[in-house]
């Protein structure tokens, strides 16, 4: 009986020693973990220093089969292209925010062309890659990749998205309608009316709100008429007539006009051409939602390569043409000359929007041509070649028809 407590005590001592050994092992392991964490932190810091840090990215798996989900145009959700499972997108209640442009412009920014590419590792196939776009596909497995990284605050993140409302089938129908109205179009143009030949992309655009006040100087022209006498000869005789001649009396004009602008768009990319993109409008920017990366899954979206300052300069040019019309209306009269405008900007807000379009590219005659479909309205704008073969055939057919008509007339018309 007296031995049991001793053994029990010895057991406790052994247990204590074992516990102490575990504590020491735990401390040693903790030290190793801390050292490892410190080393990892140093590695991450080194990677960040060299621009090789792991970029935040989004890839969405189907809850049913595990395949990659993609945004379904015309809906408010994502769809699995294999099992057709659907997943709704949680739309931000705050909408698409707008920011103080002057505050943003006053901060230092690195030129976008000097920023490094994103370093990605596809979670589907494990391949490592570099990508400049904020959305695209893994080149190895074609799984959709969406990037969320502002590169240390140097890259402006999107504020809103105008989701695809025109799906691929409708875009192809709009394209076929456009091609059917192209005279002398080559066969290559009509072959790309299938959905397989079209790719979807979100293009970044800067949107600006501006309260403008403009002081102008110019001239007002008022028409007046005088009666003029002139002489002509009729039937060998001299005849005197009168006619009304228009003149313009010009007077100095000056005044002030005000105009509030909302979401004046300026492209954020140098390709496609800004004039071509403008023809694709207007865009229903009022329906833009707050940015959600899910909307980009399955589509391309390049980084902007035209910064906000250049975008605002382009937007002000568009505003100037509207303001000039306001000045003309304020001057009145029959004719107007606007000589000088001094515009002040107040409460300038801006946001970076992603606007949707379908793109079809084809080659004809050794040249590459692009056709664009506004995925918000269905408007089609494109470059088109002319088929020399079809033009020559039409000319030959016309000559043949004229010749045949002439021969028939000679044979039976006389």
Protein backbone atom coordinates (compact mmCIF):
# COMPACT_ATOMS: atom_id res chain seq x y z
CA UNK A 1 0.00 0.00 0.00
CA UNK A 2 2.89 2.33 0.78
CA UNK A 3 4.52 1.41 -2.54
CA UNK A 4 1.64 2.47 -4.70
CA UNK A 5 1.80 6.10 -3.81
CA UNK A 6 5.51 6.08 -4.53
CA UNK A 7 5.01 4.46 -7.88
CA UNK A 8 2.23 6.90 -8.51
CA UNK A 9 4.52 9.74 -7.54
CA UNK A 10 7.23 8.35 -9.77
CA UNK A 11 4.67 8.06 -12.51
CA UNK A 12 3.77 11.68 -12.00
CA UNK A 13 7.46 12.63 -12.07
CA UNK A 14 7.90 10.68 -15.30
CA UNK A 15 4.77 12.26 -16.66
CA UNK A 16 6.10 15.64 -15.62
CA UNK A 17 9.41 14.91 -17.28
CA UNK A 18 7.58 13.76 -20.37
CA UNK A 19 5.46 16.90 -20.29
CA UNK A 20 8.60 18.98 -19.83
CA UNK A 21 10.16 17.19 -22.79
CA UNK A 22 7.05 17.92 -24.81
CA UNK A 23 7.14 21.57 -23.74
CA UNK A 24 10.78 21.80 -24.72
CA UNK A 25 10.03 20.10 -28.01
CA UNK A 26 7.09 22.44 -28.46
CA UNK A 27 9.28 25.43 -27.68
CA UNK A 28 11.89 24.15 -30.10
CA UNK A 29 9.19 23.61 -32.72
CA UNK A 30 7.80 27.07 -31.97
CA UNK A 31 11.24 28.53 -32.41
CA UNK A 32 11.59 26.71 -35.68
CA UNK A 33 8.14 27.93 -36.76
CA UNK A 34 9.02 31.48 -35.80
CA UNK A 35 12.32 31.20 -37.62
CA UNK A 36 10.50 29.69 -40.59
CA UNK A 37 7.92 32.46 -40.48
CA UNK A 38 10.69 35.02 -40.24
CA UNK A 39 12.46 33.38 -43.14
CA UNK A 40 9.17 33.22 -45.09
CA UNK A 41 8.57 36.88 -44.33
CA UNK A 42 12.06 37.64 -45.57
CA UNK A 43 11.42 35.55 -48.67
CA UNK A 44 8.10 37.29 -49.27
CA UNK A 45 9.73 40.65 -48.71
CA UNK A 46 12.47 39.67 -51.14
CA UNK A 47 9.87 38.51 -53.66
CA UNK A 48 7.94 41.71 -53.23
CA UNK A 49 11.13 43.70 -53.64
CA UNK A 50 11.85 41.94 -56.95
CA UNK A 51 8.22 42.23 -58.13
CA UNK A 52 7.72 38.48 -57.91
CA UNK A 53 5.12 38.42 -55.12
CA UNK A 54 2.20 36.03 -55.41
CA UNK A 55 -0.77 37.97 -56.73
CA UNK A 56 -4.27 37.69 -55.30
CA UNK A 57 -6.49 35.90 -57.78
CA UNK A 58 -10.00 34.49 -58.11
CA UNK A 59 -11.03 31.16 -59.57
CA UNK A 60 -14.50 29.80 -58.96
CA UNK A 61 -15.28 26.09 -58.74
CA UNK A 62 -18.64 24.56 -59.52
CA UNK A 63 -20.22 23.27 -56.28
CA UNK A 64 -21.62 20.29 -58.19
CA UNK A 65 -18.83 18.96 -60.42
CA UNK A 66 -15.76 21.04 -59.49
CA UNK A 67 -15.28 22.57 -62.94
CA UNK A 68 -14.60 26.29 -63.41
CA UNK A 69 -17.61 28.59 -63.24
CA UNK A 70 -18.06 31.46 -65.71
CA UNK A 71 -20.31 34.50 -65.73
CA UNK A 72 -23.49 33.92 -67.74
CA UNK A 73 -24.30 37.01 -69.90
CA UNK A 74 -27.81 38.34 -69.52
CA UNK A 75 -28.15 36.91 -66.01
CA UNK A 76 -27.08 37.83 -62.50
CA UNK A 77 -25.09 34.70 -61.87
CA UNK A 78 -22.39 32.24 -62.86
CA UNK A 79 -22.87 28.98 -64.71
CA UNK A 80 -20.90 25.77 -65.08
CA UNK A 81 -20.31 25.07 -68.79
CA UNK A 82 -20.36 21.32 -68.11
CA UNK A 83 -23.18 20.51 -65.67
CA UNK A 84 -25.08 23.82 -66.08
CA UNK A 85 -25.15 24.43 -62.33
CA UNK A 86 -25.81 28.08 -61.48
CA UNK A 87 -24.61 30.33 -58.70
CA UNK A 88 -25.99 33.81 -58.01
CA UNK A 89 -23.64 36.78 -57.66
CA UNK A 90 -24.01 38.95 -54.56
CA UNK A 91 -24.33 42.45 -56.01
CA UNK A 92 -22.84 45.18 -53.76
CA UNK A 93 -25.58 47.28 -52.18
CA UNK A 94 -23.39 50.40 -52.34
CA UNK A 95 -23.28 50.42 -56.15
CA UNK A 96 -20.36 51.80 -58.13
CA UNK A 97 -18.47 54.47 -56.13
CA UNK A 98 -17.10 57.73 -57.52
CA UNK A 99 -13.97 59.48 -56.25
CA UNK A 100 -12.60 62.99 -55.95
CA UNK A 101 -10.55 63.40 -59.10
CA UNK A 102 -8.41 66.32 -57.92
CA UNK A 103 -7.41 64.40 -54.79
CA UNK A 104 -6.45 61.39 -56.88
CA UNK A 105 -4.59 63.46 -59.49
CA UNK A 106 -2.58 65.16 -56.76
CA UNK A 107 -1.03 61.86 -55.66
CA UNK A 108 2.10 60.40 -57.27
CA UNK A 109 1.47 57.54 -59.67
CA UNK A 110 3.81 55.25 -61.55
CA UNK A 111 3.15 55.04 -65.28
CA UNK A 112 1.09 51.94 -65.96
CA UNK A 113 3.50 50.84 -68.67
CA UNK A 114 6.23 50.63 -66.03
CA UNK A 115 4.29 48.41 -63.63
CA UNK A 116 5.20 44.71 -63.42
CA UNK A 117 3.03 41.86 -64.61
CA UNK A 118 0.93 39.80 -62.20
CA UNK A 119 2.51 36.53 -61.04
CA UNK A 120 -0.12 33.81 -60.95
CA UNK A 121 -0.38 30.12 -60.13
CA UNK A 122 -3.43 28.45 -61.60
CA UNK A 123 -5.30 26.58 -58.85
CA UNK A 124 -6.75 24.21 -61.41
CA UNK A 125 -3.60 22.87 -63.08
CA UNK A 126 -0.83 24.40 -60.94
CA UNK A 127 0.96 26.15 -63.80
CA UNK A 128 2.85 29.35 -62.96
CA UNK A 129 2.55 32.30 -65.31
CA UNK A 130 2.78 36.06 -65.67
CA UNK A 131 -0.23 38.03 -66.83
CA UNK A 132 -0.70 41.70 -67.57
CA UNK A 133 -4.50 41.63 -67.82
CA UNK A 134 -6.80 41.67 -64.80
CA UNK A 135 -8.86 38.84 -66.30
CA UNK A 136 -8.15 36.10 -68.79
CA UNK A 137 -7.63 32.35 -69.01
CA UNK A 138 -4.86 30.03 -67.95
CA UNK A 139 -2.87 29.28 -71.12
CA UNK A 140 -2.40 25.67 -70.01
CA UNK A 141 -5.90 24.55 -68.97
CA UNK A 142 -8.05 27.49 -70.15
CA UNK A 143 -9.49 27.96 -66.67
CA UNK A 144 -10.73 31.53 -66.04
CA UNK A 145 -8.41 33.73 -63.97
CA UNK A 146 -9.37 37.05 -62.37
CA UNK A 147 -6.78 39.18 -60.57
CA UNK A 148 -7.29 41.46 -57.58
CA UNK A 149 -4.06 43.35 -56.97
CA UNK A 150 -3.39 47.09 -57.06
CA UNK A 151 0.39 46.55 -57.08
CA UNK A 152 0.96 48.45 -53.89
CA UNK A 153 -1.59 51.15 -54.67
CA UNK A 154 -0.06 52.00 -58.06
CA UNK A 155 -2.80 50.39 -60.14
CA UNK A 156 -6.31 51.82 -59.88
CA UNK A 157 -8.81 49.07 -59.26
CA UNK A 158 -12.17 48.95 -61.09
CA UNK A 159 -15.05 50.78 -59.40
CA UNK A 160 -17.85 49.27 -61.40
CA UNK A 161 -18.87 46.82 -64.09
CA UNK A 162 -21.48 47.01 -66.80
CA UNK A 163 -22.18 43.26 -67.07
CA UNK A 164 -22.72 41.51 -70.39
CA UNK A 165 -26.43 41.70 -71.22
CA UNK A 166 -26.01 40.51 -74.84
CA UNK A 167 -25.03 36.84 -74.88
CA UNK A 168 -22.93 35.15 -77.52
CA UNK A 169 -25.85 33.90 -79.62
CA UNK A 170 -27.47 37.33 -79.79
CA UNK A 171 -24.10 38.95 -80.55
CA UNK A 172 -23.61 36.54 -83.45
CA UNK A 173 -27.10 37.38 -84.73
CA UNK A 174 -26.31 41.11 -84.56
CA UNK A 175 -23.08 40.45 -86.41
CA UNK A 176 -24.79 38.41 -89.14
CA UNK A 177 -27.30 41.22 -89.63
CA UNK A 178 -24.40 43.65 -89.98
CA UNK A 179 -22.53 41.47 -92.49
CA UNK A 180 -25.65 40.95 -94.59
CA UNK A 181 -25.77 44.70 -95.22
CA UNK A 182 -22.11 44.92 -96.35
CA UNK A 183 -21.89 45.15 -100.12
CA UNK A 184 -19.05 43.27 -101.81
CA UNK A 185 -17.87 41.78 -98.51
CA UNK A 186 -15.46 38.81 -98.80
CA UNK A 187 -16.62 35.36 -97.79
CA UNK A 188 -14.23 35.41 -94.81
CA UNK A 189 -16.33 38.14 -93.25
CA UNK A 190 -19.51 36.09 -93.33
CA UNK A 191 -17.84 32.98 -91.99
CA UNK A 192 -17.19 34.53 -88.59
CA UNK A 193 -20.86 34.91 -87.75
CA UNK A 194 -20.69 31.78 -85.58
CA UNK A 195 -20.37 32.07 -81.80
CA UNK A 196 -17.07 30.14 -81.82
CA UNK A 197 -15.36 32.99 -83.64
CA UNK A 198 -16.23 35.64 -81.02
CA UNK A 199 -14.55 36.44 -77.71
CA UNK A 200 -15.85 38.60 -74.89
CA UNK A 201 -13.87 41.35 -73.23
CA UNK A 202 -14.38 44.09 -70.66
CA UNK A 203 -12.58 47.28 -71.69
CA UNK A 204 -11.63 49.85 -69.01
CA UNK A 205 -13.11 53.33 -69.41
CA UNK A 206 -12.78 56.40 -67.23
CA UNK A 207 -16.07 58.08 -66.36
CA UNK A 208 -16.09 61.73 -65.23
CA UNK A 209 -18.69 63.95 -63.57
CA UNK A 210 -18.02 67.67 -63.87
CA UNK A 211 -19.88 70.85 -62.94
CA UNK A 212 -18.65 73.39 -65.46
CA UNK A 213 -18.99 77.15 -65.71
CA UNK A 214 -17.79 78.82 -68.90
CA UNK A 215 -17.20 82.48 -69.69
CA UNK A 216 -17.18 83.09 -73.42
CA UNK A 217 -16.70 85.86 -75.95
CA UNK A 218 -17.86 85.82 -79.53
CA UNK A 219 -20.08 87.45 -82.11
CA UNK A 220 -23.74 87.33 -82.96
CA UNK A 221 -24.86 87.45 -86.56
CA UNK A 222 -28.33 88.70 -87.47
CA UNK A 223 -29.60 88.40 -91.02
CA UNK A 224 -31.22 91.30 -92.86
CA UNK A 225 -32.24 91.70 -96.47
CA UNK A 226 -31.98 94.42 -99.10
CA UNK A 227 -33.62 94.70 -102.45
CA UNK A 228 -31.24 94.54 -105.38
CA UNK A 229 -32.04 95.57 -108.94
CA UNK A 230 -30.50 93.65 -111.81
CA UNK A 231 -30.89 93.53 -115.57
CA UNK A 232 -31.12 90.53 -117.87
CA UNK A 233 -31.91 90.04 -121.55
CA UNK A 234 -35.00 88.14 -122.54
CA UNK A 235 -36.01 87.60 -126.17
CA UNK A 236 -33.39 90.07 -127.24
CA UNK A 237 -34.66 92.77 -124.90
CA UNK A 238 -33.24 94.22 -121.70
CA UNK A 239 -35.41 93.38 -118.66
CA UNK A 240 -34.98 94.87 -115.19
CA UNK A 241 -35.85 92.71 -112.13
CA UNK A 242 -35.39 92.85 -108.37
CA UNK A 243 -34.31 90.27 -105.85
CA UNK A 244 -33.75 89.97 -102.09
CA UNK A 245 -30.12 89.71 -100.98
CA UNK A 246 -29.20 88.35 -97.55
CA UNK A 247 -26.65 90.17 -95.39
CA UNK A 248 -25.37 89.54 -91.87
CA UNK A 249 -24.93 92.19 -89.22
CA UNK A 250 -22.32 91.15 -86.65
CA UNK A 251 -22.21 92.40 -83.06
CA UNK A 252 -20.05 91.54 -80.06
CA UNK A 253 -21.34 88.94 -77.63
CA UNK A 254 -20.19 87.70 -74.23
CA UNK A 255 -21.76 85.67 -71.47
CA UNK A 256 -21.60 82.74 -69.08
CA UNK A 257 -23.09 79.26 -69.41
CA UNK A 258 -23.18 76.34 -66.98
CA UNK A 259 -23.41 72.63 -67.70
CA UNK A 260 -23.30 69.57 -65.45
CA UNK A 261 -21.83 66.43 -66.98
CA UNK A 262 -22.33 62.87 -65.72
CA UNK A 263 -20.19 59.89 -66.73
CA UNK A 264 -18.43 61.43 -69.71
CA UNK A 265 -16.47 58.41 -70.90
CA UNK A 266 -12.87 58.26 -72.06
CA UNK A 267 -11.26 55.00 -73.09
CA UNK A 268 -8.62 53.56 -70.80
CA UNK A 269 -6.90 51.53 -73.53
CA UNK A 270 -5.03 52.59 -76.64
CA UNK A 271 -6.44 49.70 -78.68
CA UNK A 272 -9.13 49.65 -80.10
CA UNK A 273 -9.12 53.20 -81.43
CA UNK A 274 -10.98 55.74 -79.29
CA UNK A 275 -13.06 57.02 -82.25
CA UNK A 276 -14.22 53.50 -83.04
CA UNK A 277 -15.19 52.82 -79.42
CA UNK A 278 -17.12 56.08 -79.32
CA UNK A 279 -19.21 54.90 -82.27
CA UNK A 280 -20.16 51.81 -80.26
CA UNK A 281 -21.93 53.99 -77.70
CA UNK A 282 -23.90 55.14 -75.96
CA UNK A 283 -23.37 52.92 -72.93
CA UNK A 284 -25.95 52.67 -70.15
CA UNK A 285 -23.51 53.54 -67.39
CA UNK A 286 -26.36 54.31 -64.99
CA UNK A 287 -26.96 50.55 -64.74
CA UNK A 288 -23.35 49.78 -63.79
CA UNK A 289 -22.99 47.69 -60.64
CA UNK A 290 -20.27 47.82 -58.04
CA UNK A 291 -17.19 45.83 -59.02
CA UNK A 292 -17.47 42.08 -58.46
CA UNK A 293 -14.73 39.82 -59.80
CA UNK A 294 -17.32 37.14 -60.62
CA UNK A 295 -18.57 39.22 -63.57
CA UNK A 296 -15.14 38.86 -65.22
CA UNK A 297 -14.85 35.07 -64.95
CA UNK A 298 -14.59 33.63 -68.45
CA UNK A 299 -13.85 36.96 -70.15
CA UNK A 300 -10.76 39.01 -70.94
CA UNK A 301 -10.10 42.38 -69.36
CA UNK A 302 -6.86 44.24 -70.05
CA UNK A 303 -5.28 46.73 -67.69
CA UNK A 304 -5.82 50.34 -68.57
CA UNK A 305 -2.80 51.82 -70.36
CA UNK A 306 -4.22 55.36 -70.57
CA UNK A 307 -4.17 56.92 -67.11
CA UNK A 308 -6.86 59.06 -65.49
CA UNK A 309 -5.13 62.34 -66.33
CA UNK A 310 -5.08 61.58 -70.06
CA UNK A 311 -8.64 60.30 -69.76
CA UNK A 312 -9.81 63.56 -68.18
CA UNK A 313 -8.10 65.57 -70.92
CA UNK A 314 -9.97 63.54 -73.56
CA UNK A 315 -13.25 63.87 -71.64
CA UNK A 316 -12.82 67.67 -71.44
CA UNK A 317 -12.49 67.81 -75.23
CA UNK A 318 -15.85 66.05 -75.55
CA UNK A 319 -17.32 68.42 -72.97
CA UNK A 320 -15.93 71.43 -74.85
CA UNK A 321 -17.95 70.62 -77.98
CA UNK A 322 -21.15 70.48 -75.90
CA UNK A 323 -20.25 73.70 -74.08
CA UNK A 324 -19.60 75.43 -77.40
CA UNK A 325 -23.12 74.52 -78.50
CA UNK A 326 -24.41 76.00 -75.22
CA UNK A 327 -22.50 79.21 -75.98
CA UNK A 328 -24.00 79.41 -79.46
CA UNK A 329 -27.48 78.92 -78.04
CA UNK A 330 -26.81 81.63 -75.47
CA UNK A 331 -25.56 84.07 -78.12
CA UNK A 332 -28.68 83.59 -80.22
CA UNK A 333 -29.22 85.24 -83.58
CA UNK A 334 -28.99 83.58 -86.97
CA UNK A 335 -25.26 82.87 -86.88
CA UNK A 336 -22.72 82.66 -84.07
CA UNK A 337 -18.98 82.85 -83.70
CA UNK A 338 -17.45 81.56 -80.47
CA UNK A 339 -14.00 83.08 -80.19
CA UNK A 340 -12.89 82.15 -76.68
CA UNK A 341 -14.09 79.91 -73.86
CA UNK A 342 -12.70 79.81 -70.32
CA UNK A 343 -14.11 76.83 -68.46
CA UNK A 344 -13.76 76.17 -64.75
CA UNK A 345 -14.35 72.69 -63.30
CA UNK A 346 -15.98 72.03 -59.95
CA UNK A 347 -16.78 68.87 -57.99
CA UNK A 348 -15.01 66.62 -60.50
CA UNK A 349 -15.66 62.96 -59.72
CA UNK A 350 -14.35 59.92 -61.53
CA UNK A 351 -14.54 56.15 -61.58
CA UNK A 352 -13.01 53.30 -63.53
CA UNK A 353 -15.67 51.28 -65.33
CA UNK A 354 -15.40 48.00 -67.23
CA UNK A 355 -17.59 48.01 -70.34
CA UNK A 356 -18.50 44.80 -72.22
CA UNK A 357 -18.08 43.98 -75.88
CA UNK A 358 -17.75 40.99 -78.15
CA UNK A 359 -14.81 40.95 -80.54
CA UNK A 360 -14.43 39.02 -83.79
CA UNK A 361 -11.12 39.03 -85.67
CA UNK A 362 -10.64 37.70 -89.18
CA UNK A 363 -8.02 37.83 -91.92
CA UNK A 364 -8.81 38.82 -95.49
CA UNK A 365 -6.29 39.59 -98.19
CA UNK A 366 -3.43 39.17 -95.74
CA UNK A 367 -4.79 41.90 -93.45
CA UNK A 368 -6.40 41.58 -90.03
CA UNK A 369 -9.80 43.15 -89.42
CA UNK A 370 -11.79 43.50 -86.19
CA UNK A 371 -15.52 43.74 -85.63
CA UNK A 372 -17.01 44.81 -82.29
CA UNK A 373 -20.44 44.24 -80.80
CA UNK A 374 -21.56 46.40 -77.88
CA UNK A 375 -22.59 43.74 -75.34
CA UNK A 376 -24.82 46.28 -73.63
CA UNK A 377 -26.89 47.42 -76.64
CA UNK A 378 -26.06 45.11 -79.56
CA UNK A 379 -24.60 47.94 -81.69
CA UNK A 380 -22.07 46.66 -84.27
CA UNK A 381 -19.06 48.59 -85.52
CA UNK A 382 -16.32 47.08 -87.60
CA UNK A 383 -13.64 47.29 -90.18
CA UNK A 384 -14.42 45.64 -93.46
CA UNK A 385 -12.51 44.92 -96.66
CA UNK A 386 -13.92 44.78 -100.16
CA UNK A 387 -13.72 41.67 -102.28
CA UNK A 388 -11.99 42.52 -105.55
CA UNK A 389 -13.34 39.31 -107.08
CA UNK A 390 -16.94 40.24 -106.25
CA UNK A 391 -16.50 43.80 -107.50
CA UNK A 392 -15.00 42.60 -110.80
CA UNK A 393 -17.74 40.00 -111.13
CA UNK A 394 -20.38 42.68 -110.56
CA UNK A 395 -18.78 44.97 -113.14
CA UNK A 396 -18.55 42.14 -115.68
CA UNK A 397 -22.19 41.21 -115.00
CA UNK A 398 -23.26 44.82 -115.46
CA UNK A 399 -21.35 45.12 -118.74
CA UNK A 400 -22.83 41.83 -119.92
CA UNK A 401 -26.35 43.01 -119.05
CA UNK A 402 -25.85 46.31 -120.90
CA UNK A 403 -24.38 44.50 -123.90
CA UNK A 404 -27.23 41.97 -123.95
CA UNK A 405 -29.80 44.76 -123.76
CA UNK A 406 -28.12 46.61 -126.61
CA UNK A 407 -28.05 43.50 -128.83
CA UNK A 408 -31.68 42.71 -128.06
CA UNK A 409 -32.65 46.28 -128.86
CA UNK A 410 -30.82 46.14 -132.17
CA UNK A 411 -32.33 42.79 -133.05
CA UNK A 412 -35.95 43.43 -132.13
CA UNK A 413 -36.32 47.07 -131.29
CA UNK A 414 -35.93 48.45 -134.78
